[in-house]
C-alpha atoms as a PDB file:
ATOM      1  CA  MET A   1      42.681  19.643  63.424  1.00  0.00           C
ATOM      2  CA  ASN A   2      42.882  17.714  60.373  1.00  0.00           C
ATOM      3  CA  ASP A   3      42.158  19.718  57.315  1.00  0.00           C
ATOM      4  CA  ASP A   4      42.521  16.806  54.742  1.00  0.00           C
ATOM      5  CA  PRO A   5      39.314  16.373  52.696  1.00  0.00           C
ATOM      6  CA  ALA A   6      37.148  13.556  53.694  1.00  0.00           C
ATOM      7  CA  PRO A   7      37.571  10.605  51.250  1.00  0.00           C
ATOM      8  CA  ALA A   8      34.653   9.985  48.847  1.00  0.00           C
ATOM      9  CA  VAL A   9      32.439   7.231  50.140  1.00  0.00           C
ATOM     10  CA  GLN A  10      32.384   4.399  47.705  1.00  0.00           C
ATOM     11  CA  PRO A  11      29.287   2.470  47.476  1.00  0.00           C
ATOM     12  CA  ALA A  12      29.526  -1.205  48.351  1.00  0.00           C
ATOM     13  CA  ARG A  13      29.081  -3.660  45.629  1.00  0.00           C
ATOM     14  CA  GLY A  14      27.589  -6.771  47.012  1.00  0.00           C
ATOM     15  CA  GLY A  15      25.467  -9.443  45.768  1.00  0.00           C
ATOM     16  CA  ARG A  16      22.667  -7.249  44.667  1.00  0.00           C
ATOM     17  CA  PHE A  17      24.910  -5.149  42.506  1.00  0.00           C
ATOM     18  CA  TRP A  18      26.141  -8.341  40.504  1.00  0.00           C
ATOM     19  CA  LEU A  19      22.766  -9.757  40.414  1.00  0.00           C
ATOM     20  CA  MET A  20      21.292  -6.656  38.808  1.00  0.00           C
ATOM     21  CA  THR A  21      24.321  -6.517  36.533  1.00  0.00           C
ATOM     22  CA  ALA A  22      23.634 -10.147  35.351  1.00  0.00           C
ATOM     23  CA  VAL A  23      19.905  -9.391  34.853  1.00  0.00           C
ATOM     24  CA  ALA A  24      20.648  -6.279  32.840  1.00  0.00           C
ATOM     25  CA  VAL A  25      23.287  -8.104  30.555  1.00  0.00           C
ATOM     26  CA  GLY A  26      20.823 -10.778  29.909  1.00  0.00           C
ATOM     27  CA  MET A  27      18.154  -8.357  29.038  1.00  0.00           C
ATOM     28  CA  LEU A  28      20.314  -6.457  26.784  1.00  0.00           C
ATOM     29  CA  ALA A  29      21.600  -9.464  25.053  1.00  0.00           C
ATOM     30  CA  ALA A  30      17.885 -10.781  24.558  1.00  0.00           C
ATOM     31  CA  THR A  31      16.618  -7.449  23.145  1.00  0.00           C
ATOM     32  CA  VAL A  32      19.474  -6.748  20.773  1.00  0.00           C
ATOM     33  CA  SER A  33      19.414 -10.245  19.525  1.00  0.00           C
ATOM     34  CA  LEU A  34      15.566  -9.918  19.000  1.00  0.00           C
ATOM     35  CA  GLY A  35      16.106  -6.521  17.231  1.00  0.00           C
ATOM     36  CA  ARG A  36      18.934  -8.203  14.918  1.00  0.00           C
ATOM     37  CA  TRP A  37      16.361 -11.052  14.032  1.00  0.00           C
ATOM     38  CA  GLN A  38      13.700  -8.520  13.133  1.00  0.00           C
ATOM     39  CA  LEU A  39      16.149  -6.821  10.808  1.00  0.00           C
ATOM     40  CA  SER A  40      17.170  -9.996   9.275  1.00  0.00           C
ATOM     41  CA  ARG A  41      13.517 -10.866   8.637  1.00  0.00           C
ATOM     42  CA  ALA A  42      13.107  -7.659   6.962  1.00  0.00           C
ATOM     43  CA  ALA A  43      16.046  -8.205   4.767  1.00  0.00           C
ATOM     44  CA  GLN A  44      14.743 -11.535   3.694  1.00  0.00           C
ATOM     45  CA  LYS A  45      11.146 -10.192   2.821  1.00  0.00           C
ATOM     46  CA  GLU A  46      13.040  -7.243   0.928  1.00  0.00           C
ATOM     47  CA  ALA A  47      14.833 -10.023  -1.142  1.00  0.00           C
ATOM     48  CA  LEU A  48      11.745 -11.942  -1.846  1.00  0.00           C
ATOM     49  CA  GLN A  49      10.113  -8.574  -2.950  1.00  0.00           C
ATOM     50  CA  ALA A  50      13.041  -7.821  -5.294  1.00  0.00           C
ATOM     51  CA  GLU A  51      12.695 -11.480  -6.702  1.00  0.00           C
ATOM     52  CA  ILE A  52       8.932 -10.853  -7.290  1.00  0.00           C
ATOM     53  CA  GLU A  53       9.573  -7.754  -9.059  1.00  0.00           C
ATOM     54  CA  ALA A  54      12.166  -9.380 -11.033  1.00  0.00           C
ATOM     55  CA  GLN A  55       9.866 -12.109 -11.968  1.00  0.00           C
ATOM     56  CA  LYS A  56       7.342  -9.815 -13.294  1.00  0.00           C
ATOM     57  CA  THR A  57       9.661  -8.278 -15.672  1.00  0.00           C
ATOM     58  CA  LEU A  58      10.811 -11.546 -17.375  1.00  0.00           C
ATOM     59  CA  PRO A  59       9.286 -12.390 -20.805  1.00  0.00           C
ATOM     60  CA  PRO A  60       6.126 -14.139 -20.589  1.00  0.00           C
ATOM     61  CA  LEU A  61       5.761 -18.009 -20.523  1.00  0.00           C
ATOM     62  CA  ASP A  62       4.168 -19.414 -23.592  1.00  0.00           C
ATOM     63  CA  GLN A  63       1.492 -21.940 -23.489  1.00  0.00           C
ATOM     64  CA  GLN A  64       3.427 -25.129 -23.728  1.00  0.00           C
ATOM     65  CA  GLU A  65       6.048 -23.680 -20.985  1.00  0.00           C
ATOM     66  CA  PHE A  66       3.246 -23.188 -18.744  1.00  0.00           C
ATOM     67  CA  LEU A  67       1.524 -26.429 -19.316  1.00  0.00           C
ATOM     68  CA  ALA A  68       4.791 -28.057 -18.448  1.00  0.00           C
ATOM     69  CA  LEU A  69       5.243 -26.371 -15.207  1.00  0.00           C
ATOM     70  CA  ASP A  70       5.003 -28.916 -12.417  1.00  0.00           C
ATOM     71  CA  PRO A  71       4.426 -27.276  -9.980  1.00  0.00           C
ATOM     72  CA  ALA A  72       3.663 -23.906 -11.494  1.00  0.00           C
ATOM     73  CA  THR A  73       4.714 -22.295  -8.221  1.00  0.00           C
ATOM     74  CA  SER A  74       8.207 -22.334  -9.369  1.00  0.00           C
ATOM     75  CA  ALA A  75       7.425 -19.669 -11.745  1.00  0.00           C
ATOM     76  CA  MET A  76       5.270 -17.573  -9.311  1.00  0.00           C
ATOM     77  CA  HIS A  77       4.484 -13.992 -10.325  1.00  0.00           C
ATOM     78  CA  ARG A  78       5.923 -14.514 -13.875  1.00  0.00           C
ATOM     79  CA  PRO A  79       3.812 -13.259 -16.920  1.00  0.00           C
ATOM     80  CA  VAL A  80       2.230 -15.899 -19.087  1.00  0.00           C
ATOM     81  CA  ARG A  81       0.401 -15.746 -22.532  1.00  0.00           C
ATOM     82  CA  LEU A  82      -2.257 -18.214 -23.181  1.00  0.00           C
ATOM     83  CA  HIS A  83      -4.952 -19.249 -25.618  1.00  0.00           C
ATOM     84  CA  GLY A  84      -8.351 -20.651 -24.582  1.00  0.00           C
ATOM     85  CA  LEU A  85     -12.114 -20.256 -23.804  1.00  0.00           C
ATOM     86  CA  TRP A  86     -13.621 -18.357 -20.811  1.00  0.00           C
ATOM     87  CA  LEU A  87     -16.001 -20.736 -18.864  1.00  0.00           C
ATOM     88  CA  THR A  88     -18.483 -18.141 -18.263  1.00  0.00           C
ATOM     89  CA  PRO A  89     -21.227 -20.095 -16.499  1.00  0.00           C
ATOM     90  CA  HIS A  90     -18.641 -20.954 -13.564  1.00  0.00           C
ATOM     91  CA  THR A  91     -17.897 -17.387 -12.886  1.00  0.00           C
ATOM     92  CA  VAL A  92     -17.471 -16.578  -9.098  1.00  0.00           C
ATOM     93  CA  TYR A  93     -17.608 -13.194  -7.416  1.00  0.00           C
ATOM     94  CA  LEU A  94     -15.746 -13.078  -4.186  1.00  0.00           C
ATOM     95  CA  ASP A  95     -17.181 -10.585  -1.724  1.00  0.00           C
ATOM     96  CA  ASN A  96     -15.529  -7.956   0.629  1.00  0.00           C
ATOM     97  CA  ARG A  97     -12.537  -7.218  -1.611  1.00  0.00           C
ATOM     98  CA  GLN A  98     -11.426  -3.610  -1.869  1.00  0.00           C
ATOM     99  CA  MET A  99      -9.488  -1.526  -4.537  1.00  0.00           C
ATOM    100  CA  HIS A 100      -8.518   2.041  -3.991  1.00  0.00           C
ATOM    101  CA  GLY A 101     -10.516   1.702  -0.567  1.00  0.00           C
ATOM    102  CA  LEU A 102     -13.715   0.951  -2.204  1.00  0.00           C
ATOM    103  CA  PRO A 103     -15.698  -2.427  -1.345  1.00  0.00           C
ATOM    104  CA  GLY A 104     -16.416  -4.709  -4.080  1.00  0.00           C
ATOM    105  CA  PHE A 105     -15.973  -8.059  -5.779  1.00  0.00           C
ATOM    106  CA  TYR A 106     -13.023  -9.909  -7.197  1.00  0.00           C
ATOM    107  CA  VAL A 107     -14.290 -11.621 -10.374  1.00  0.00           C
ATOM    108  CA  LEU A 108     -12.967 -15.223 -11.071  1.00  0.00           C
ATOM    109  CA  THR A 109     -13.636 -17.207 -14.156  1.00  0.00           C
ATOM    110  CA  PRO A 110     -12.106 -20.623 -15.173  1.00  0.00           C
ATOM    111  CA  PHE A 111     -10.087 -20.592 -18.393  1.00  0.00           C
ATOM    112  CA  ALA A 112      -9.973 -23.733 -20.404  1.00  0.00           C
ATOM    113  CA  ILE A 113      -6.501 -23.758 -22.003  1.00  0.00           C
ATOM    114  CA  GLU A 114      -6.598 -24.532 -25.934  1.00  0.00           C
ATOM    115  CA  GLY A 115      -5.187 -27.906 -26.874  1.00  0.00           C
ATOM    116  CA  SER A 116      -4.989 -29.239 -23.370  1.00  0.00           C
ATOM    117  CA  ASN A 117      -7.057 -30.783 -20.582  1.00  0.00           C
ATOM    118  CA  GLN A 118      -6.067 -28.322 -18.148  1.00  0.00           C
ATOM    119  CA  THR A 119      -8.217 -25.313 -16.756  1.00  0.00           C
ATOM    120  CA  VAL A 120      -6.915 -22.525 -14.756  1.00  0.00           C
ATOM    121  CA  LEU A 121      -8.752 -20.159 -12.308  1.00  0.00           C
ATOM    122  CA  VAL A 122      -8.329 -16.398 -13.560  1.00  0.00           C
ATOM    123  CA  GLN A 123      -8.803 -13.535 -11.160  1.00  0.00           C
ATOM    124  CA  ARG A 124     -10.031 -11.351 -13.846  1.00  0.00           C
ATOM    125  CA  GLY A 125     -10.452  -8.090 -12.013  1.00  0.00           C
ATOM    126  CA  TRP A 126     -12.414  -6.096  -9.657  1.00  0.00           C
ATOM    127  CA  VAL A 127     -15.887  -4.628  -9.775  1.00  0.00           C
ATOM    128  CA  GLN A 128     -17.633  -2.227  -7.276  1.00  0.00           C
ATOM    129  CA  ARG A 129     -20.601  -3.596  -5.294  1.00  0.00           C
ATOM    130  CA  ASN A 130     -24.072  -2.206  -5.551  1.00  0.00           C
ATOM    131  CA  PHE A 131     -24.573  -0.342  -2.154  1.00  0.00           C
ATOM    132  CA  THR A 132     -28.376  -0.726  -2.255  1.00  0.00           C
ATOM    133  CA  ASP A 133     -28.772  -4.438  -3.284  1.00  0.00           C
ATOM    134  CA  ARG A 134     -25.809  -6.526  -2.587  1.00  0.00           C
ATOM    135  CA  ALA A 135     -27.024  -9.300  -4.733  1.00  0.00           C
ATOM    136  CA  GLN A 136     -27.217  -7.119  -7.857  1.00  0.00           C
ATOM    137  CA  LEU A 137     -24.090  -7.471  -9.713  1.00  0.00           C
ATOM    138  CA  ALA A 138     -22.459  -5.055 -12.009  1.00  0.00           C
ATOM    139  CA  PRO A 139     -22.547  -6.103 -15.664  1.00  0.00           C
ATOM    140  CA  ILE A 140     -19.077  -7.411 -17.126  1.00  0.00           C
ATOM    141  CA  GLU A 141     -18.180  -8.511 -20.488  1.00  0.00           C
ATOM    142  CA  THR A 142     -16.838 -12.017 -21.092  1.00  0.00           C
ATOM    143  CA  PRO A 143     -15.554 -12.556 -24.729  1.00  0.00           C
ATOM    144  CA  ARG A 144     -16.891 -15.564 -26.327  1.00  0.00           C
ATOM    145  CA  GLY A 145     -14.827 -17.887 -28.511  1.00  0.00           C
ATOM    146  CA  LEU A 146     -11.082 -18.372 -28.618  1.00  0.00           C
ATOM    147  CA  VAL A 147      -9.220 -15.539 -26.832  1.00  0.00           C
ATOM    148  CA  GLU A 148      -5.794 -14.637 -25.844  1.00  0.00           C
ATOM    149  CA  LEU A 149      -4.922 -14.087 -22.075  1.00  0.00           C
ATOM    150  CA  VAL A 150      -1.961 -12.153 -20.683  1.00  0.00           C
ATOM    151  CA  ALA A 151      -1.712 -12.748 -17.027  1.00  0.00           C
ATOM    152  CA  ARG A 152       0.552 -13.435 -13.992  1.00  0.00           C
ATOM    153  CA  ILE A 153       0.987 -16.627 -12.168  1.00  0.00           C
ATOM    154  CA  ALA A 154      -0.309 -16.044  -8.561  1.00  0.00           C
ATOM    155  CA  PRO A 155      -1.199 -18.138  -5.634  1.00  0.00           C
ATOM    156  CA  PRO A 156      -4.897 -19.399  -5.188  1.00  0.00           C
ATOM    157  CA  PRO A 157      -7.204 -16.667  -4.082  1.00  0.00           C
ATOM    158  CA  ALA A 158      -6.573 -15.436  -0.703  1.00  0.00           C
ATOM    159  CA  HIS A 159      -8.929 -16.075   2.161  1.00  0.00           C
ATOM    160  CA  LEU A 160     -10.556 -13.772   4.377  1.00  0.00           C
ATOM    161  CA  LEU A 161     -11.763 -14.668   7.903  1.00  0.00           C
ATOM    162  CA  GLU A 162     -15.169 -16.394   8.106  1.00  0.00           C
ATOM    163  CA  LEU A 163     -17.123 -16.396  11.315  1.00  0.00           C
ATOM    164  CA  ALA A 164     -18.842 -19.429  10.338  1.00  0.00           C
ATOM    165  CA  LYS A 165     -17.777 -22.028   7.856  1.00  0.00           C
ATOM    166  CA  GLU A 166     -20.827 -22.442   5.402  1.00  0.00           C
ATOM    167  CA  SER A 167     -21.046 -25.222   2.888  1.00  0.00           C
ATOM    168  CA  PRO A 168     -20.217 -24.053  -0.697  1.00  0.00           C
ATOM    169  CA  PRO A 169     -23.138 -24.062  -3.069  1.00  0.00           C
ATOM    170  CA  SER A 170     -23.349 -26.751  -5.558  1.00  0.00           C
ATOM    171  CA  ALA A 171     -22.241 -25.517  -9.128  1.00  0.00           C
ATOM    172  CA  ALA A 172     -24.953 -27.342 -10.670  1.00  0.00           C
ATOM    173  CA  ALA A 173     -27.685 -25.962  -8.405  1.00  0.00           C
ATOM    174  CA  PRO A 174     -29.925 -23.754 -10.475  1.00  0.00           C
ATOM    175  CA  GLY A 175     -30.215 -20.345  -9.169  1.00  0.00           C
ATOM    176  CA  SER A 176     -27.361 -20.662  -6.741  1.00  0.00           C
ATOM    177  CA  SER A 177     -25.667 -17.252  -6.165  1.00  0.00           C
ATOM    178  CA  PRO A 178     -22.109 -16.860  -7.699  1.00  0.00           C
ATOM    179  CA  ILE A 179     -21.279 -14.582  -4.773  1.00  0.00           C
ATOM    180  CA  ARG A 180     -18.880 -16.338  -2.227  1.00  0.00           C
ATOM    181  CA  GLN A 181     -16.767 -15.140   0.690  1.00  0.00           C
ATOM    182  CA  ASN A 182     -13.880 -17.453  -0.073  1.00  0.00           C
ATOM    183  CA  LEU A 183     -12.884 -20.159  -2.818  1.00  0.00           C
ATOM    184  CA  ASP A 184     -11.297 -23.345  -1.989  1.00  0.00           C
ATOM    185  CA  LEU A 185      -9.812 -24.605  -5.589  1.00  0.00           C
ATOM    186  CA  GLU A 186     -10.084 -28.207  -4.336  1.00  0.00           C
ATOM    187  CA  ALA A 187     -13.644 -27.932  -3.523  1.00  0.00           C
ATOM    188  CA  PHE A 188     -14.232 -25.904  -6.532  1.00  0.00           C
ATOM    189  CA  ARG A 189     -12.816 -28.399  -8.799  1.00  0.00           C
ATOM    190  CA  ALA A 190     -15.056 -31.178  -7.211  1.00  0.00           C
ATOM    191  CA  GLN A 191     -18.125 -29.050  -7.530  1.00  0.00           C
ATOM    192  CA  THR A 192     -17.706 -28.131 -11.234  1.00  0.00           C
ATOM    193  CA  GLY A 193     -16.182 -31.054 -12.381  1.00  0.00           C
ATOM    194  CA  LEU A 194     -13.565 -29.169 -14.185  1.00  0.00           C
ATOM    195  CA  PRO A 195      -9.810 -30.413 -14.631  1.00  0.00           C
ATOM    196  CA  LEU A 196      -8.857 -27.291 -12.784  1.00  0.00           C
ATOM    197  CA  ARG A 197      -5.240 -26.638 -11.639  1.00  0.00           C
ATOM    198  CA  THR A 198      -5.170 -26.227  -7.845  1.00  0.00           C
ATOM    199  CA  ASP A 199      -1.738 -25.243  -7.155  1.00  0.00           C
ATOM    200  CA  VAL A 200      -1.973 -21.671  -8.748  1.00  0.00           C
ATOM    201  CA  SER A 201      -4.380 -19.213 -10.197  1.00  0.00           C
ATOM    202  CA  LEU A 202      -3.772 -16.401 -12.776  1.00  0.00           C
ATOM    203  CA  LEU A 203      -3.832 -12.823 -12.148  1.00  0.00           C
ATOM    204  CA  GLN A 204      -5.091 -11.007 -15.440  1.00  0.00           C
ATOM    205  CA  THR A 205      -2.934  -7.904 -16.102  1.00  0.00           C
ATOM    206  CA  GLY A 206      -3.661  -4.628 -18.332  1.00  0.00           C
ATOM    207  CA  PRO A 207      -5.666  -1.756 -18.230  1.00  0.00           C
ATOM    208  CA  ALA A 208      -9.337  -1.753 -17.161  1.00  0.00           C
ATOM    209  CA  SER A 209     -11.646  -3.511 -19.674  1.00  0.00           C
ATOM    210  CA  GLU A 210     -14.683  -5.677 -19.739  1.00  0.00           C
ATOM    211  CA  GLY A 211     -16.057  -3.394 -16.817  1.00  0.00           C
ATOM    212  CA  LEU A 212     -13.238  -4.687 -14.579  1.00  0.00           C
ATOM    213  CA  GLN A 213     -10.379  -2.606 -12.919  1.00  0.00           C
ATOM    214  CA  ARG A 214      -6.917  -4.517 -12.295  1.00  0.00           C
ATOM    215  CA  ASP A 215      -5.135  -2.116 -10.092  1.00  0.00           C
ATOM    216  CA  TRP A 216      -4.035  -5.248  -8.092  1.00  0.00           C
ATOM    217  CA  PRO A 217      -2.491  -4.398  -4.666  1.00  0.00           C
ATOM    218  CA  VAL A 218       0.986  -5.272  -4.211  1.00  0.00           C
ATOM    219  CA  PRO A 219       1.624  -8.408  -1.949  1.00  0.00           C
ATOM    220  CA  ALA A 220       1.783  -7.383   1.653  1.00  0.00           C
ATOM    221  CA  LEU A 221       5.019  -8.983   2.916  1.00  0.00           C
ATOM    222  CA  GLY A 222       5.036  -6.862   6.257  1.00  0.00           C
ATOM    223  CA  ILE A 223       8.551  -5.420   5.733  1.00  0.00           C
ATOM    224  CA  GLU A 224       7.617  -2.315   7.838  1.00  0.00           C
ATOM    225  CA  LYS A 225       6.186  -4.305  10.634  1.00  0.00           C
ATOM    226  CA  HIS A 226       9.590  -5.895  11.018  1.00  0.00           C
ATOM    227  CA  TYR A 227      11.372  -2.594  11.126  1.00  0.00           C
ATOM    228  CA  GLY A 228       9.037  -1.245  13.637  1.00  0.00           C
ATOM    229  CA  TYR A 229       9.605  -4.314  15.936  1.00  0.00           C
ATOM    230  CA  ALA A 230      13.250  -3.799  15.518  1.00  0.00           C
ATOM    231  CA  PHE A 231      13.053  -0.301  16.613  1.00  0.00           C
ATOM    232  CA  GLN A 232      11.115  -1.338  19.625  1.00  0.00           C
ATOM    233  CA  TRP A 233      13.623  -3.918  20.503  1.00  0.00           C
ATOM    234  CA  PHE A 234      16.530  -1.654  20.170  1.00  0.00           C
ATOM    235  CA  GLY A 235      14.679   1.134  22.156  1.00  0.00           C
ATOM    236  CA  LEU A 236      14.042  -1.314  24.864  1.00  0.00           C
ATOM    237  CA  ALA A 237      17.774  -2.406  25.003  1.00  0.00           C
ATOM    238  CA  ALA A 238      18.823   1.549  25.203  1.00  0.00           C
ATOM    239  CA  LEU A 239      16.250   1.703  28.128  1.00  0.00           C
ATOM    240  CA  VAL A 240      17.815  -1.075  29.719  1.00  0.00           C
ATOM    241  CA  VAL A 241      21.294   0.492  29.572  1.00  0.00           C
ATOM    242  CA  ILE A 242      20.042   3.754  30.735  1.00  0.00           C
ATOM    243  CA  LEU A 243      18.143   2.321  33.931  1.00  0.00           C
ATOM    244  CA  TYR A 244      21.173   0.125  34.702  1.00  0.00           C
ATOM    245  CA  VAL A 245      23.546   3.163  34.631  1.00  0.00           C
ATOM    246  CA  TRP A 246      21.209   5.251  36.751  1.00  0.00           C
ATOM    247  CA  PHE A 247      20.517   2.719  39.445  1.00  0.00           C
ATOM    248  CA  GLN A 248      23.596   1.141  39.506  1.00  0.00           C
ATOM    249  CA  PHE A 249      26.131   4.044  39.326  1.00  0.00           C
ATOM    250  CA  ILE A 250      24.431   7.548  39.157  1.00  0.00           C
ATOM    251  CA  ALA A 251      21.816   7.009  41.977  1.00  0.00           C
ATOM    252  CA  PRO A 252      24.370   5.261  44.462  1.00  0.00           C
ATOM    253  CA  TYR A 253      26.852   8.028  43.733  1.00  0.00           C
ATOM    254  CA  ARG A 254      24.539  10.651  44.494  1.00  0.00           C
ATOM    255  CA  ARG A 255      23.556   8.942  47.733  1.00  0.00           C
ATOM    256  CA  ALA A 256      27.010   8.748  48.847  1.00  0.00           C
ATOM    257  CA  ARG A 257      27.835  12.479  47.997  1.00  0.00           C
ATOM    258  CA  ARG A 258      24.721  13.420  50.355  1.00  0.00           C
ATOM    259  CA  VAL A 259      26.019  11.008  53.096  1.00  0.00           C
ATOM    260  CA  ARG A 260      29.448  12.601  52.866  1.00  0.00           C
ATOM    261  CA  ARG A 261      28.167  16.224  52.958  1.00  0.00           C
ATOM    262  CA  GLY A 262      25.937  15.260  56.015  1.00  0.00           C
END
């Protein structure tokens, strides 16, 4: 009688084993690569955010420096100090804008820069809408005469999704509503006939005044989104490793032990 213990049954590693190994390696490489790419995108946007914050802390550009910028996008988010006149009749109210979670309007008024033929659109602030009568606009104050404006260089006003593209009202049409869903600077320049800069706008800064609030939201760069996607890709990579080890090694080993005991 042979009392030697039976040798362990080694699972055969045929073509299916190596095929699944190749598939797992490919999926692992792809998911890790995508996770690292999402981390790199987050790092790029964090650097951009830091650059924006650094621009905000720079000394304000004076009027001549601003007028000489071509394009002004080279100094995006930097403060400026200008003198000029508010062109009140061309004020526009952008609808469906929120501040502190409340719906309202962004108030935009062209600003004619003193001693130049340039006009720039200023996002002056936010005002809450009238919930009983949408067309009734809250009163705001617009100083007359020559004024000093402190603002930041900003992109043109952001566009919201429009279900139907409407023809913008003519600026010269009597009684036309100043309420708009979006504002295209090229079209607005053509409507008003103003020598309006279309590459940038200005974001007026400072405490609430003139009936307007100016707690402007921080630009949404989506940094958290990239970290979330990276977590998902790395989680998927970990799942690939766990499934590979289970189905390629642990499950066959357990089957082999059952065969040996049987």
